Every structure is written in structure tokens, then in C-alpha cells.
Amino acid sequence: MQACQCPAIIRGVKKPTDCAIFGTVCTPRDPIGSCMVSAEGACAAYYKYRRGIIRRCSDAHSVTRPLLQ
């Protein structure tokens, strides 16, 4: 079984969190597959933004509203 699940993630069959190496062995700093190499890749985007959502939800007091300009 191949560890990197990028082909299935690109096809939408799996989520980045379904990959056994997502966020552990494979990170934006040390990418394994094409999904993590580019900042626009599915895994890289999920790693960056999904982690932020989890952090904000875990600490309701840290949520701030965007400034209107």
C-alpha cells in the first residue's frame, strides 16, 4: 500500500486527513506528495486553514472579527 494518498485526494475520493502521513511525515516544510508541495495543493491548504479552524474553535475567546475597511 502506498503511503501518500495524493491521487485519491486530487480525485476527491479521500480527504487529506485520510492519508496516514498527512501532518506527520508529510508537512508543507517536508512535503512527500504533490498535494503538499504547492501552497495551492489540497493537503497544503487543508493543513494551513483546517488547523486554524480547529484552534479558533477550541478557544472561543481568541476569535476576532475581521476589520471592515
C-alpha atoms as a PDB file:
ATOM      1  CA  MET A   1       0.000   0.000   0.000  1.00  0.00           C
ATOM      2  CA  GLN A   2       1.314   3.418  -0.949  1.00  0.00           C
ATOM      3  CA  ALA A   3       1.562   5.852   1.986  1.00  0.00           C
ATOM      4  CA  CYS A   4       0.909   9.063   0.014  1.00  0.00           C
ATOM      5  CA  GLN A   5      -2.750   9.349  -0.969  1.00  0.00           C
ATOM      6  CA  CYS A   6      -2.417  12.378  -3.303  1.00  0.00           C
ATOM      7  CA  PRO A   7      -4.021  10.732  -6.348  1.00  0.00           C
ATOM      8  CA  ALA A   8      -7.153   9.827  -4.360  1.00  0.00           C
ATOM      9  CA  ILE A   9      -7.208  13.248  -2.681  1.00  0.00           C
ATOM     10  CA  ILE A  10      -6.984  15.041  -6.029  1.00  0.00           C
ATOM     11  CA  ARG A  11      -9.874  12.938  -7.363  1.00  0.00           C
ATOM     12  CA  GLY A  12     -11.923  13.786  -4.264  1.00  0.00           C
ATOM     13  CA  VAL A  13     -12.179  10.162  -3.171  1.00  0.00           C
ATOM     14  CA  LYS A  14     -10.313  10.845   0.087  1.00  0.00           C
ATOM     15  CA  LYS A  15      -9.674  13.807   2.372  1.00  0.00           C
ATOM     16  CA  PRO A  16      -6.167  14.839   3.396  1.00  0.00           C
ATOM     17  CA  THR A  17      -6.870  13.520   6.896  1.00  0.00           C
ATOM     18  CA  ASP A  18      -7.474  10.056   5.389  1.00  0.00           C
ATOM     19  CA  CYS A  19      -3.785   9.921   4.481  1.00  0.00           C
ATOM     20  CA  ALA A  20      -1.661   8.176   7.121  1.00  0.00           C
ATOM     21  CA  ILE A  21       1.284  10.543   6.631  1.00  0.00           C
ATOM     22  CA  PHE A  22      -0.667  13.837   6.480  1.00  0.00           C
ATOM     23  CA  GLY A  23       0.601  16.319   9.066  1.00  0.00           C
ATOM     24  CA  THR A  24       3.153  13.903  10.494  1.00  0.00           C
ATOM     25  CA  VAL A  25       5.708  12.769   7.928  1.00  0.00           C
ATOM     26  CA  CYS A  26       4.230  14.947   5.167  1.00  0.00           C
ATOM     27  CA  THR A  27       4.068  18.656   6.028  1.00  0.00           C
ATOM     28  CA  PRO A  28       4.497  21.851   3.992  1.00  0.00           C
ATOM     29  CA  ARG A  29       8.032  22.062   5.356  1.00  0.00           C
ATOM     30  CA  ASP A  30       8.839  18.451   4.264  1.00  0.00           C
ATOM     31  CA  PRO A  31       6.317  17.532   1.534  1.00  0.00           C
ATOM     32  CA  ILE A  32       6.070  13.962   0.298  1.00  0.00           C
ATOM     33  CA  GLY A  33       3.411  14.225  -2.404  1.00  0.00           C
ATOM     34  CA  SER A  34       2.324  16.804  -4.946  1.00  0.00           C
ATOM     35  CA  CYS A  35      -0.698  17.808  -2.845  1.00  0.00           C
ATOM     36  CA  MET A  36       1.602  19.253  -0.187  1.00  0.00           C
ATOM     37  CA  VAL A  37       4.322  20.736  -2.410  1.00  0.00           C
ATOM     38  CA  SER A  38       2.374  23.736  -3.698  1.00  0.00           C
ATOM     39  CA  ALA A  39       0.653  26.218  -1.386  1.00  0.00           C
ATOM     40  CA  GLU A  40      -2.468  25.714  -3.535  1.00  0.00           C
ATOM     41  CA  GLY A  41      -2.333  21.930  -3.165  1.00  0.00           C
ATOM     42  CA  ALA A  42      -5.239  20.260  -1.374  1.00  0.00           C
ATOM     43  CA  CYS A  43      -3.152  18.948   1.508  1.00  0.00           C
ATOM     44  CA  ALA A  44      -1.163  22.152   1.994  1.00  0.00           C
ATOM     45  CA  ALA A  45      -4.310  24.268   2.048  1.00  0.00           C
ATOM     46  CA  TYR A  46      -6.067  21.851   4.382  1.00  0.00           C
ATOM     47  CA  TYR A  47      -3.011  21.781   6.658  1.00  0.00           C
ATOM     48  CA  LYS A  48      -2.863  25.578   6.817  1.00  0.00           C
ATOM     49  CA  TYR A  49      -6.537  26.509   7.079  1.00  0.00           C
ATOM     50  CA  ARG A  50      -8.113  23.493   8.773  1.00  0.00           C
ATOM     51  CA  ARG A  51      -5.612  23.697  11.630  1.00  0.00           C
ATOM     52  CA  GLY A  52      -6.575  27.348  12.122  1.00  0.00           C
ATOM     53  CA  ILE A  53     -10.266  26.483  12.310  1.00  0.00           C
ATOM     54  CA  ILE A  54      -9.597  23.865  14.970  1.00  0.00           C
ATOM     55  CA  ARG A  55      -7.525  26.323  17.003  1.00  0.00           C
ATOM     56  CA  ARG A  56     -10.164  29.055  16.822  1.00  0.00           C
ATOM     57  CA  CYS A  57     -12.985  26.702  17.785  1.00  0.00           C
ATOM     58  CA  SER A  58     -11.094  25.319  20.746  1.00  0.00           C
ATOM     59  CA  ASP A  59     -10.629  28.771  22.242  1.00  0.00           C
ATOM     60  CA  ALA A  60     -13.786  30.842  21.718  1.00  0.00           C
ATOM     61  CA  HIS A  61     -12.210  33.849  23.410  1.00  0.00           C
ATOM     62  CA  SER A  62      -9.498  34.128  20.774  1.00  0.00           C
ATOM     63  CA  VAL A  63     -11.952  34.539  17.877  1.00  0.00           C
ATOM     64  CA  THR A  64     -11.861  38.030  16.483  1.00  0.00           C
ATOM     65  CA  ARG A  65     -13.981  39.632  13.808  1.00  0.00           C
ATOM     66  CA  PRO A  66     -12.316  40.897  10.663  1.00  0.00           C
ATOM     67  CA  LEU A  67     -11.889  44.650  10.467  1.00  0.00           C
ATOM     68  CA  LEU A  68     -14.056  46.442   7.939  1.00  0.00           C
ATOM     69  CA  GLN A  69     -12.109  48.752   5.701  1.00  0.00           C
END
